PDB file of N, CA and C in Angstrom:
ATOM      1  N   MET A   1      -3.240  -6.759  -9.834  1.00  0.00           N
ATOM      2  CA  MET A   1      -2.602  -6.492  -7.883  1.00  0.00           C
ATOM      3  C   MET A   1      -3.590  -6.877  -7.018  1.00  0.00           C
ATOM      4  N   LYS A   2      -4.096  -7.118  -6.003  1.00  0.00           N
ATOM      5  CA  LYS A   2      -5.112  -6.262  -5.264  1.00  0.00           C
ATOM      6  C   LYS A   2      -4.526  -7.194  -3.396  1.00  0.00           C
ATOM      7  N   PHE A   3      -3.934  -5.959  -2.621  1.00  0.00           N
ATOM      8  CA  PHE A   3      -3.672  -5.982  -1.525  1.00  0.00           C
ATOM      9  C   PHE A   3      -4.759  -5.337  -0.425  1.00  0.00           C
ATOM     10  N   ASP A   4      -5.221  -6.136   0.743  1.00  0.00           N
ATOM     11  CA  ASP A   4      -6.078  -5.940   2.010  1.00  0.00           C
ATOM     12  C   ASP A   4      -5.379  -4.796   2.668  1.00  0.00           C
ATOM     13  N   PHE A   5      -5.884  -4.521   3.538  1.00  0.00           N
ATOM     14  CA  PHE A   5      -5.003  -3.918   4.382  1.00  0.00           C
ATOM     15  C   PHE A   5      -6.284  -3.066   5.499  1.00  0.00           C
ATOM     16  N   LYS A   6      -7.532  -3.433   5.608  1.00  0.00           N
ATOM     17  CA  LYS A   6      -8.857  -4.215   5.944  1.00  0.00           C
ATOM     18  C   LYS A   6      -8.864  -3.248   7.922  1.00  0.00           C
ATOM     19  N   LEU A   7      -8.462  -2.382   8.378  1.00  0.00           N
ATOM     20  CA  LEU A   7      -8.652  -2.038   9.750  1.00  0.00           C
ATOM     21  C   LEU A   7     -10.263  -2.626  10.503  1.00  0.00           C
ATOM     22  N   ASN A   8     -10.110  -3.631  11.319  1.00  0.00           N
ATOM     23  CA  ASN A   8     -10.971  -4.243  11.509  1.00  0.00           C
ATOM     24  C   ASN A   8     -11.020  -3.822  13.523  1.00  0.00           C
ATOM     25  N   ILE A   9     -11.774  -2.968  13.507  1.00  0.00           N
ATOM     26  CA  ILE A   9     -11.964  -2.133  15.077  1.00  0.00           C
ATOM     27  C   ILE A   9     -13.143  -1.871  14.951  1.00  0.00           C
ATOM     28  N   ASN A  10     -13.925  -1.958  16.105  1.00  0.00           N
ATOM     29  CA  ASN A  10     -14.842  -1.935  16.604  1.00  0.00           C
ATOM     30  C   ASN A  10     -15.473  -0.528  18.250  1.00  0.00           C
ATOM     31  N   GLY A  11     -15.750  -0.105  18.001  1.00  0.00           N
ATOM     32  CA  GLY A  11     -15.799   0.847  19.519  1.00  0.00           C
ATOM     33  C   GLY A  11     -15.725   2.503  18.993  1.00  0.00           C
ATOM     34  N   VAL A  12     -14.934   2.756  17.490  1.00  0.00           N
ATOM     35  CA  VAL A  12     -14.319   3.939  17.589  1.00  0.00           C
ATOM     36  C   VAL A  12     -15.309   4.419  16.447  1.00  0.00           C
ATOM     37  N   ASN A  13     -14.701   5.794  16.333  1.00  0.00           N
ATOM     38  CA  ASN A  13     -15.629   6.282  15.946  1.00  0.00           C
ATOM     39  C   ASN A  13     -14.865   6.175  13.940  1.00  0.00           C
ATOM     40  N   PRO A  14     -16.257   6.439  13.674  1.00  0.00           N
ATOM     41  CA  PRO A  14     -16.390   6.270  11.908  1.00  0.00           C
ATOM     42  C   PRO A  14     -15.579   6.446  11.418  1.00  0.00           C
ATOM     43  N   ASP A  15     -15.121   8.651  11.885  1.00  0.00           N
ATOM     44  CA  ASP A  15     -14.132   9.211  10.680  1.00  0.00           C
ATOM     45  C   ASP A  15     -12.742   9.087  11.111  1.00  0.00           C
ATOM     46  N   LYS A  16     -12.630   8.931  12.319  1.00  0.00           N
ATOM     47  CA  LYS A  16     -11.244   8.358  13.091  1.00  0.00           C
ATOM     48  C   LYS A  16     -11.174   7.014  12.206  1.00  0.00           C
ATOM     49  N   ILE A  17     -11.942   6.311  11.884  1.00  0.00           N
ATOM     50  CA  ILE A  17     -11.898   5.445  10.993  1.00  0.00           C
ATOM     51  C   ILE A  17     -11.342   4.497   9.572  1.00  0.00           C
ATOM     52  N   TYR A  18     -11.724   5.721   9.362  1.00  0.00           N
ATOM     53  CA  TYR A  18     -11.923   6.272   7.666  1.00  0.00           C
ATOM     54  C   TYR A  18     -10.032   6.862   7.961  1.00  0.00           C
ATOM     55  N   LYS A  19     -10.088   7.882   8.590  1.00  0.00           N
ATOM     56  CA  LYS A  19      -8.686   8.558   8.665  1.00  0.00           C
ATOM     57  C   LYS A  19      -7.817   7.375   8.941  1.00  0.00           C
ATOM     58  N   THR A  20      -8.140   6.621   9.770  1.00  0.00           N
ATOM     59  CA  THR A  20      -6.504   5.401   9.708  1.00  0.00           C
ATOM     60  C   THR A  20      -6.797   5.139   8.739  1.00  0.00           C
ATOM     61  N   GLN A  21      -7.699   4.666   8.353  1.00  0.00           N
ATOM     62  CA  GLN A  21      -7.499   3.336   7.150  1.00  0.00           C
ATOM     63  C   GLN A  21      -6.684   4.316   5.804  1.00  0.00           C
ATOM     64  N   TYR A  22      -7.058   6.043   5.248  1.00  0.00           N
ATOM     65  CA  TYR A  22      -6.701   6.702   4.423  1.00  0.00           C
ATOM     66  C   TYR A  22      -5.672   6.858   4.255  1.00  0.00           C
ATOM     67  N   TYR A  23      -4.870   6.921   5.667  1.00  0.00           N
ATOM     68  CA  TYR A  23      -3.193   7.264   6.121  1.00  0.00           C
ATOM     69  C   TYR A  23      -2.772   5.757   5.255  1.00  0.00           C
ATOM     70  N   VAL A  24      -3.669   4.474   6.125  1.00  0.00           N
ATOM     71  CA  VAL A  24      -2.589   3.248   5.729  1.00  0.00           C
ATOM     72  C   VAL A  24      -2.452   3.083   4.742  1.00  0.00           C
ATOM     73  N   ASP A  25      -3.457   3.042   3.715  1.00  0.00           N
ATOM     74  CA  ASP A  25      -3.429   2.888   1.946  1.00  0.00           C
ATOM     75  C   ASP A  25      -2.854   3.961   1.294  1.00  0.00           C
ATOM     76  N   SER A  26      -2.764   5.438   2.164  1.00  0.00           N
ATOM     77  CA  SER A  26      -1.557   6.350   1.343  1.00  0.00           C
ATOM     78  C   SER A  26      -0.670   6.181   2.152  1.00  0.00           C
ATOM     79  N   GLU A  27       0.155   5.406   2.830  1.00  0.00           N
ATOM     80  CA  GLU A  27       1.272   5.012   3.104  1.00  0.00           C
ATOM     81  C   GLU A  27       1.975   3.992   2.212  1.00  0.00           C
ATOM     82  N   ILE A  28       1.162   2.360   1.765  1.00  0.00           N
ATOM     83  CA  ILE A  28       0.896   1.320   1.481  1.00  0.00           C
ATOM     84  C   ILE A  28       2.090   1.927   0.196  1.00  0.00           C
ATOM     85  N   LEU A  29       1.280   2.217  -0.595  1.00  0.00           N
ATOM     86  CA  LEU A  29       1.291   3.128  -2.179  1.00  0.00           C
ATOM     87  C   LEU A  29       2.484   4.058  -1.591  1.00  0.00           C
ATOM     88  N   ARG A  30       2.461   4.956  -1.379  1.00  0.00           N
ATOM     89  CA  ARG A  30       4.038   5.934  -1.222  1.00  0.00           C
ATOM     90  C   ARG A  30       5.228   5.616  -0.025  1.00  0.00           C
ATOM     91  N   ARG A  31       5.611   3.935  -0.076  1.00  0.00           N
ATOM     92  CA  ARG A  31       6.991   3.158   0.550  1.00  0.00           C
ATOM     93  C   ARG A  31       6.587   2.568  -0.798  1.00  0.00           C
ATOM     94  N   SER A  32       5.491   1.874  -1.065  1.00  0.00           N
ATOM     95  CA  SER A  32       5.965   0.887  -1.870  1.00  0.00           C
ATOM     96  C   SER A  32       6.572   2.020  -3.078  1.00  0.00           C
ATOM     97  N   ASP A  33       6.590   2.189  -3.771  1.00  0.00           N
ATOM     98  CA  ASP A  33       6.802   3.299  -4.921  1.00  0.00           C
ATOM     99  C   ASP A  33       8.132   3.140  -5.283  1.00  0.00           C
ATOM    100  N   PRO A  34       9.548   3.076  -4.472  1.00  0.00           N
ATOM    101  CA  PRO A  34      10.895   3.404  -4.658  1.00  0.00           C
ATOM    102  C   PRO A  34      10.830   1.622  -5.858  1.00  0.00           C
ATOM    103  N   LEU A  35      10.075   0.869  -4.255  1.00  0.00           N
ATOM    104  CA  LEU A  35       9.974  -0.671  -4.670  1.00  0.00           C
ATOM    105  C   LEU A  35       9.038  -0.679  -6.440  1.00  0.00           C
ATOM    106  N   VAL A  36       8.657   0.082  -6.680  1.00  0.00           N
ATOM    107  CA  VAL A  36       8.055  -1.278  -7.831  1.00  0.00           C
ATOM    108  C   VAL A  36       8.975  -0.794  -9.348  1.00  0.00           C
ATOM    109  N   PRO A  37       8.565  -1.365  -9.981  1.00  0.00           N
ATOM    110  CA  PRO A  37       9.736  -2.158 -11.346  1.00  0.00           C
ATOM    111  C   PRO A  37       8.963  -0.820 -11.701  1.00  0.00           C
ATOM    112  N   PHE A  38       9.904  -0.008 -12.737  1.00  0.00           N
ATOM    113  CA  PHE A  38       9.748   0.764 -13.353  1.00  0.00           C
ATOM    114  C   PHE A  38      10.438   1.340 -15.132  1.00  0.00           C
ATOM    115  N   GLN A  39      10.049   0.817 -15.738  1.00  0.00           N
ATOM    116  CA  GLN A  39      10.312   1.028 -16.650  1.00  0.00           C
ATOM    117  C   GLN A  39       9.700   2.628 -17.396  1.00  0.00           C
ATOM    118  N   ILE A  40       8.661   2.933 -17.885  1.00  0.00           N
ATOM    119  CA  ILE A  40       7.422   3.929 -17.924  1.00  0.00           C
ATOM    120  C   ILE A  40       6.869   4.417 -17.256  1.00  0.00           C
ATOM    121  N   GLY A  41       6.367   3.776 -15.851  1.00  0.00           N
ATOM    122  CA  GLY A  41       6.184   4.072 -14.644  1.00  0.00           C
ATOM    123  C   GLY A  41       4.745   3.852 -14.942  1.00  0.00           C
ATOM    124  N   MET A  42       3.850   3.344 -16.090  1.00  0.00           N
ATOM    125  CA  MET A  42       2.766   2.544 -15.966  1.00  0.00           C
ATOM    126  C   MET A  42       2.253   1.741 -15.114  1.00  0.00           C
ATOM    127  N   LEU A  43       3.017   0.978 -13.951  1.00  0.00           N
ATOM    128  CA  LEU A  43       2.483   0.418 -13.245  1.00  0.00           C
ATOM    129  C   LEU A  43       2.749   0.808 -11.863  1.00  0.00           C
ATOM    130  N   LYS A  44       3.516   1.912 -11.747  1.00  0.00           N
ATOM    131  CA  LYS A  44       3.463   2.648 -10.559  1.00  0.00           C
ATOM    132  C   LYS A  44       2.037   3.690 -10.637  1.00  0.00           C
ATOM    133  N   LYS A  45       1.406   4.093 -11.881  1.00  0.00           N
ATOM    134  CA  LYS A  45       0.256   4.712 -11.419  1.00  0.00           C
ATOM    135  C   LYS A  45      -0.857   4.547 -11.792  1.00  0.00           C
ATOM    136  N   SER A  46      -0.344   2.906 -11.860  1.00  0.00           N
ATOM    137  CA  SER A  46      -1.769   1.609 -12.227  1.00  0.00           C
ATOM    138  C   SER A  46      -2.282   1.701 -10.819  1.00  0.00           C
ATOM    139  N   GLY A  47      -0.613   1.849  -9.735  1.00  0.00           N
ATOM    140  CA  GLY A  47      -1.368   1.660  -7.846  1.00  0.00           C
ATOM    141  C   GLY A  47      -2.061   2.870  -7.466  1.00  0.00           C
ATOM    142  N   ILE A  48      -1.485   4.217  -8.040  1.00  0.00           N
ATOM    143  CA  ILE A  48      -2.296   5.272  -7.561  1.00  0.00           C
ATOM    144  C   ILE A  48      -3.772   5.565  -8.872  1.00  0.00           C
ATOM    145  N   LEU A  49      -4.471   5.422  -9.847  1.00  0.00           N
ATOM    146  CA  LEU A  49      -5.041   4.966  -9.747  1.00  0.00           C
ATOM    147  C   LEU A  49      -6.302   3.939 -10.252  1.00  0.00           C
ATOM    148  N   GLY A  50      -6.113   2.790  -8.913  1.00  0.00           N
ATOM    149  CA  GLY A  50      -6.568   1.413  -8.741  1.00  0.00           C
ATOM    150  C   GLY A  50      -7.120   1.660  -7.756  1.00  0.00           C
ATOM    151  N   THR A  51      -6.187   2.401  -6.582  1.00  0.00           N
ATOM    152  CA  THR A  51      -6.731   2.822  -5.217  1.00  0.00           C
ATOM    153  C   THR A  51      -7.937   3.748  -4.848  1.00  0.00           C
ATOM    154  N   LYS A  52      -8.115   3.201  -4.444  1.00  0.00           N
ATOM    155  CA  LYS A  52      -9.261   4.039  -3.828  1.00  0.00           C
ATOM    156  C   LYS A  52      -9.002   4.041  -1.933  1.00  0.00           C
ATOM    157  N   LYS A  53      -8.198   4.938  -2.190  1.00  0.00           N
ATOM    158  CA  LYS A  53      -7.637   5.177  -0.860  1.00  0.00           C
ATOM    159  C   LYS A  53      -8.620   5.777   1.152  1.00  0.00           C
ATOM    160  N   GLY A  54      -8.931   5.005   1.717  1.00  0.00           N
ATOM    161  CA  GLY A  54      -9.358   4.887   2.413  1.00  0.00           C
ATOM    162  C   GLY A  54     -10.479   3.770   2.440  1.00  0.00           C
ATOM    163  N   SER A  55     -10.371   2.597   1.571  1.00  0.00           N
ATOM    164  CA  SER A  55     -11.081   1.514   1.287  1.00  0.00           C
ATOM    165  C   SER A  55     -10.211   0.586   1.703  1.00  0.00           C
ATOM    166  N   GLY A  56      -9.426   0.294   1.997  1.00  0.00           N
ATOM    167  CA  GLY A  56      -8.603  -0.969   3.088  1.00  0.00           C
ATOM    168  C   GLY A  56      -8.151  -2.099   1.492  1.00  0.00           C
ATOM    169  N   THR A  57      -8.307  -1.337   0.536  1.00  0.00           N
ATOM    170  CA  THR A  57      -8.103  -2.701  -0.776  1.00  0.00           C
ATOM    171  C   THR A  57      -6.823  -1.563  -1.820  1.00  0.00           C
ATOM    172  N   VAL A  58      -5.254  -1.555  -1.327  1.00  0.00           N
ATOM    173  CA  VAL A  58      -3.718  -1.317  -2.657  1.00  0.00           C
ATOM    174  C   VAL A  58      -4.356  -1.751  -4.238  1.00  0.00           C
ATOM    175  N   LYS A  59      -4.926  -1.601  -4.763  1.00  0.00           N
ATOM    176  CA  LYS A  59      -4.461  -2.423  -6.381  1.00  0.00           C
ATOM    177  C   LYS A  59      -3.676  -0.804  -7.303  1.00  0.00           C
ATOM    178  N   TYR A  60      -2.892  -2.365  -8.495  1.00  0.00           N
ATOM    179  CA  TYR A  60      -2.407  -2.314  -9.167  1.00  0.00           C
ATOM    180  C   TYR A  60      -3.380  -2.864 -10.491  1.00  0.00           C
ATOM    181  N   ILE A  61      -3.771  -2.022 -11.583  1.00  0.00           N
ATOM    182  CA  ILE A  61      -4.504  -1.880 -12.052  1.00  0.00           C
ATOM    183  C   ILE A  61      -3.996  -2.638 -13.548  1.00  0.00           C
ATOM    184  N   ALA A  62      -2.926  -2.218 -14.203  1.00  0.00           N
ATOM    185  CA  ALA A  62      -1.850  -2.436 -14.950  1.00  0.00           C
ATOM    186  C   ALA A  62      -1.761  -4.042 -15.265  1.00  0.00           C
ATOM    187  N   PRO A  63      -2.594  -3.755 -16.327  1.00  0.00           N
ATOM    188  CA  PRO A  63      -2.710  -5.831 -17.152  1.00  0.00           C
ATOM    189  C   PRO A  63      -1.776  -6.505 -16.074  1.00  0.00           C
ATOM    190  N   TYR A  64      -0.265  -6.060 -16.728  1.00  0.00           N
ATOM    191  CA  TYR A  64       0.830  -6.513 -16.222  1.00  0.00           C
ATOM    192  C   TYR A  64       0.475  -7.233 -15.024  1.00  0.00           C
ATOM    193  N   ALA A  65       0.357  -6.535 -13.968  1.00  0.00           N
ATOM    194  CA  ALA A  65       0.629  -6.530 -12.601  1.00  0.00           C
ATOM    195  C   ALA A  65       1.211  -7.971 -11.598  1.00  0.00           C
ATOM    196  N   LYS A  66       0.747  -8.730 -11.781  1.00  0.00           N
ATOM    197  CA  LYS A  66       0.874 -10.007 -11.404  1.00  0.00           C
ATOM    198  C   LYS A  66       1.482 -11.019 -12.016  1.00  0.00           C
ATOM    199  N   LYS A  67       2.352 -10.407 -13.016  1.00  0.00           N
ATOM    200  CA  LYS A  67       3.476 -11.164 -13.185  1.00  0.00           C
ATOM    201  C   LYS A  67       4.045 -10.436 -13.296  1.00  0.00           C
ATOM    202  N   GLN A  68       4.281  -8.954 -13.354  1.00  0.00           N
ATOM    203  CA  GLN A  68       5.665  -8.111 -12.153  1.00  0.00           C
ATOM    204  C   GLN A  68       5.692  -8.582 -10.986  1.00  0.00           C
ATOM    205  N   TYR A  69       4.802  -8.448  -9.633  1.00  0.00           N
ATOM    206  CA  TYR A  69       5.003  -8.837  -8.853  1.00  0.00           C
ATOM    207  C   TYR A  69       5.445 -10.724  -8.493  1.00  0.00           C
ATOM    208  N   PHE A  70       4.815 -11.273  -9.095  1.00  0.00           N
ATOM    209  CA  PHE A  70       5.367 -12.286  -8.724  1.00  0.00           C
ATOM    210  C   PHE A  70       6.877 -12.968  -9.454  1.00  0.00           C
ATOM    211  N   SER A  71       6.956 -12.765 -10.338  1.00  0.00           N
ATOM    212  CA  SER A  71       7.955 -12.906 -11.916  1.00  0.00           C
ATOM    213  C   SER A  71       8.822 -11.880 -12.073  1.00  0.00           C
ATOM    214  N   GLY A  72       8.484 -10.689 -12.191  1.00  0.00           N
ATOM    215  CA  GLY A  72       9.295  -9.855 -12.836  1.00  0.00           C
ATOM    216  C   GLY A  72      10.630  -9.593 -12.561  1.00  0.00           C
ATOM    217  N   LYS A  73      11.314  -8.714 -13.561  1.00  0.00           N
ATOM    218  CA  LYS A  73      13.248  -9.319 -13.247  1.00  0.00           C
ATOM    219  C   LYS A  73      13.057  -7.742 -12.069  1.00  0.00           C
ATOM    220  N   SER A  74      14.069  -7.652 -11.012  1.00  0.00           N
ATOM    221  CA  SER A  74      14.450  -6.716 -10.156  1.00  0.00           C
ATOM    222  C   SER A  74      15.569  -5.547 -10.884  1.00  0.00           C
ATOM    223  N   SER A  75      15.646  -4.514 -10.605  1.00  0.00           N
ATOM    224  CA  SER A  75      16.775  -3.673 -11.021  1.00  0.00           C
ATOM    225  C   SER A  75      16.906  -2.700  -9.837  1.00  0.00           C
ATOM    226  N   SER A  76      18.206  -2.593  -9.038  1.00  0.00           N
ATOM    227  CA  SER A  76      18.367  -2.565  -7.877  1.00  0.00           C
ATOM    228  C   SER A  76      17.189  -2.689  -6.859  1.00  0.00           C
ATOM    229  N   GLN A  77      17.005  -2.119  -6.446  1.00  0.00           N
ATOM    230  CA  GLN A  77      15.735  -2.181  -4.752  1.00  0.00           C
ATOM    231  C   GLN A  77      14.472  -2.609  -5.590  1.00  0.00           C
ATOM    232  N   ARG A  78      14.313  -1.988  -7.100  1.00  0.00           N
ATOM    233  CA  ARG A  78      12.831  -1.931  -7.477  1.00  0.00           C
ATOM    234  C   ARG A  78      12.862  -3.354  -8.107  1.00  0.00           C
ATOM    235  N   GLY A  79      11.512  -4.517  -8.167  1.00  0.00           N
ATOM    236  CA  GLY A  79      11.425  -5.534  -8.850  1.00  0.00           C
ATOM    237  C   GLY A  79      10.650  -6.068  -7.861  1.00  0.00           C
ATOM    238  N   ARG A  80       9.903  -7.346  -8.178  1.00  0.00           N
ATOM    239  CA  ARG A  80       8.917  -8.173  -7.510  1.00  0.00           C
ATOM    240  C   ARG A  80       8.824  -8.281  -5.880  1.00  0.00           C
ATOM    241  N   LEU A  81       7.692  -8.483  -5.960  1.00  0.00           N
ATOM    242  CA  LEU A  81       7.064  -7.977  -4.326  1.00  0.00           C
ATOM    243  C   LEU A  81       6.923  -7.502  -3.720  1.00  0.00           C
ATOM    244  N   TRP A  82       6.834  -6.046  -4.010  1.00  0.00           N
ATOM    245  CA  TRP A  82       7.147  -4.909  -3.727  1.00  0.00           C
ATOM    246  C   TRP A  82       6.599  -4.496  -2.691  1.00  0.00           C
ATOM    247  N   VAL A  83       5.291  -4.769  -2.454  1.00  0.00           N
ATOM    248  CA  VAL A  83       4.384  -4.544  -1.438  1.00  0.00           C
ATOM    249  C   VAL A  83       4.619  -5.684  -0.501  1.00  0.00           C
ATOM    250  N   ARG A  84       4.762  -6.501  -0.201  1.00  0.00           N
ATOM    251  CA  ARG A  84       5.925  -7.506   0.753  1.00  0.00           C
ATOM    252  C   ARG A  84       6.795  -6.914   1.341  1.00  0.00           C
ATOM    253  N   ARG A  85       7.598  -6.826   0.367  1.00  0.00           N
ATOM    254  CA  ARG A  85       9.144  -6.083   0.703  1.00  0.00           C
ATOM    255  C   ARG A  85       9.083  -4.373   2.433  1.00  0.00           C
ATOM    256  N   MET A  86       8.031  -4.293   1.274  1.00  0.00           N
ATOM    257  CA  MET A  86       7.944  -2.591   2.194  1.00  0.00           C
ATOM    258  C   MET A  86       6.922  -3.057   3.216  1.00  0.00           C
ATOM    259  N   TRP A  87       5.797  -3.683   2.921  1.00  0.00           N
ATOM    260  CA  TRP A  87       5.670  -4.339   4.241  1.00  0.00           C
ATOM    261  C   TRP A  87       6.609  -5.028   5.505  1.00  0.00           C
ATOM    262  N   THR A  88       7.413  -5.824   4.899  1.00  0.00           N
ATOM    263  CA  THR A  88       8.526  -6.141   6.353  1.00  0.00           C
ATOM    264  C   THR A  88       9.058  -5.555   6.838  1.00  0.00           C
ATOM    265  N   SER A  89       9.557  -4.668   5.595  1.00  0.00           N
ATOM    266  CA  SER A  89       9.817  -3.437   6.548  1.00  0.00           C
ATOM    267  C   SER A  89      10.048  -2.105   7.294  1.00  0.00           C
ATOM    268  N   GLN A  90       8.294  -1.808   6.518  1.00  0.00           N
ATOM    269  CA  GLN A  90       8.003  -0.846   7.716  1.00  0.00           C
ATOM    270  C   GLN A  90       6.518  -0.723   7.643  1.00  0.00           C
ATOM    271  N   GLY A  91       6.496  -2.072   8.430  1.00  0.00           N
ATOM    272  CA  GLY A  91       4.757  -1.997   7.915  1.00  0.00           C
ATOM    273  C   GLY A  91       4.556  -2.220   8.962  1.00  0.00           C
ATOM    274  N   ASN A  92       5.702  -1.961  10.225  1.00  0.00           N
ATOM    275  CA  ASN A  92       5.772  -1.575  12.414  1.00  0.00           C
ATOM    276  C   ASN A  92       5.486  -0.221  12.626  1.00  0.00           C
ATOM    277  N   ASP A  93       6.674   0.869  11.688  1.00  0.00           N
ATOM    278  CA  ASP A  93       6.240   2.196  11.738  1.00  0.00           C
ATOM    279  C   ASP A  93       4.417   2.535  10.961  1.00  0.00           C
ATOM    280  N   ILE A  94       4.893   2.114   9.751  1.00  0.00           N
ATOM    281  CA  ILE A  94       2.744   2.421   9.162  1.00  0.00           C
ATOM    282  C   ILE A  94       1.600   1.795  10.638  1.00  0.00           C
ATOM    283  N   ILE A  95       1.819   1.533  11.581  1.00  0.00           N
ATOM    284  CA  ILE A  95       1.094   0.631  12.387  1.00  0.00           C
ATOM    285  C   ILE A  95       0.957   1.742  13.623  1.00  0.00           C
ATOM    286  N   ARG A  96       2.216   1.645  14.076  1.00  0.00           N
ATOM    287  CA  ARG A  96       2.423   2.500  15.145  1.00  0.00           C
ATOM    288  C   ARG A  96       1.598   4.058  14.514  1.00  0.00           C
ATOM    289  N   ASN A  97       1.775   4.768  13.512  1.00  0.00           N
ATOM    290  CA  ASN A  97       1.443   6.148  13.411  1.00  0.00           C
ATOM    291  C   ASN A  97      -0.123   5.308  12.544  1.00  0.00           C
ATOM    292  N   ALA A  98      -0.026   4.807  13.142  1.00  0.00           N
ATOM    293  CA  ALA A  98      -1.552   4.127  12.547  1.00  0.00           C
ATOM    294  C   ALA A  98      -2.846   4.367  13.597  1.00  0.00           C
ATOM    295  N   LYS A  99      -2.161   3.772  14.752  1.00  0.00           N
ATOM    296  CA  LYS A  99      -2.695   3.922  16.271  1.00  0.00           C
ATOM    297  C   LYS A  99      -2.941   5.054  16.992  1.00  0.00           C
ATOM    298  N   LYS A 100      -1.463   6.049  16.542  1.00  0.00           N
ATOM    299  CA  LYS A 100      -1.157   7.810  17.030  1.00  0.00           C
ATOM    300  C   LYS A 100      -3.034   8.199  16.636  1.00  0.00           C
ATOM    301  N   ILE A 101      -2.580   7.914  14.783  1.00  0.00           N
ATOM    302  CA  ILE A 101      -3.692   8.628  14.670  1.00  0.00           C
ATOM    303  C   ILE A 101      -5.886   7.888  15.337  1.00  0.00           C
ATOM    304  N   LEU A 102      -6.048   7.024  15.406  1.00  0.00           N
ATOM    305  CA  LEU A 102      -6.926   6.582  16.592  1.00  0.00           C
ATOM    306  C   LEU A 102      -7.165   6.946  17.127  1.00  0.00           C
ATOM    307  N   SER A 103      -5.771   7.200  18.385  1.00  0.00           N
ATOM    308  CA  SER A 103      -6.249   7.583  19.784  1.00  0.00           C
ATOM    309  C   SER A 103      -6.394   8.813  19.687  1.00  0.00           C
ATOM    310  N   GLY A 104      -5.887  10.181  18.560  1.00  0.00           N
ATOM    311  CA  GLY A 104      -5.853  10.997  18.574  1.00  0.00           C
ATOM    312  C   GLY A 104      -5.134  11.674  18.721  1.00  0.00           C
ATOM    313  N   ARG A 105      -3.460  11.660  18.896  1.00  0.00           N
ATOM    314  CA  ARG A 105      -2.653  11.847  18.738  1.00  0.00           C
ATOM    315  C   ARG A 105      -1.990  12.923  17.165  1.00  0.00           C
TER     316      ARG A 105
END
């Protein structure tokens, strides 16, 4: 299961773009963590292992990740569409902080 969050910014120092992209990728994983279905923790860990922070792609590499994402069962806040649900509620905050990193604050 793969999610692309690549930054498209022209005329900005590549180091700042990388730091900002690293932040975005890290925050998506961190903030999605409480929403990822959890039985023994392998799905959550597959996101950490499958994502190269700074690449703009968050990837859950467990073979059952796609099935869990679209049709898995929910228990409390954990359940399907975890990245989409996180982005809906917290995406604006991530973008606001990413803009601060780009501007050097």
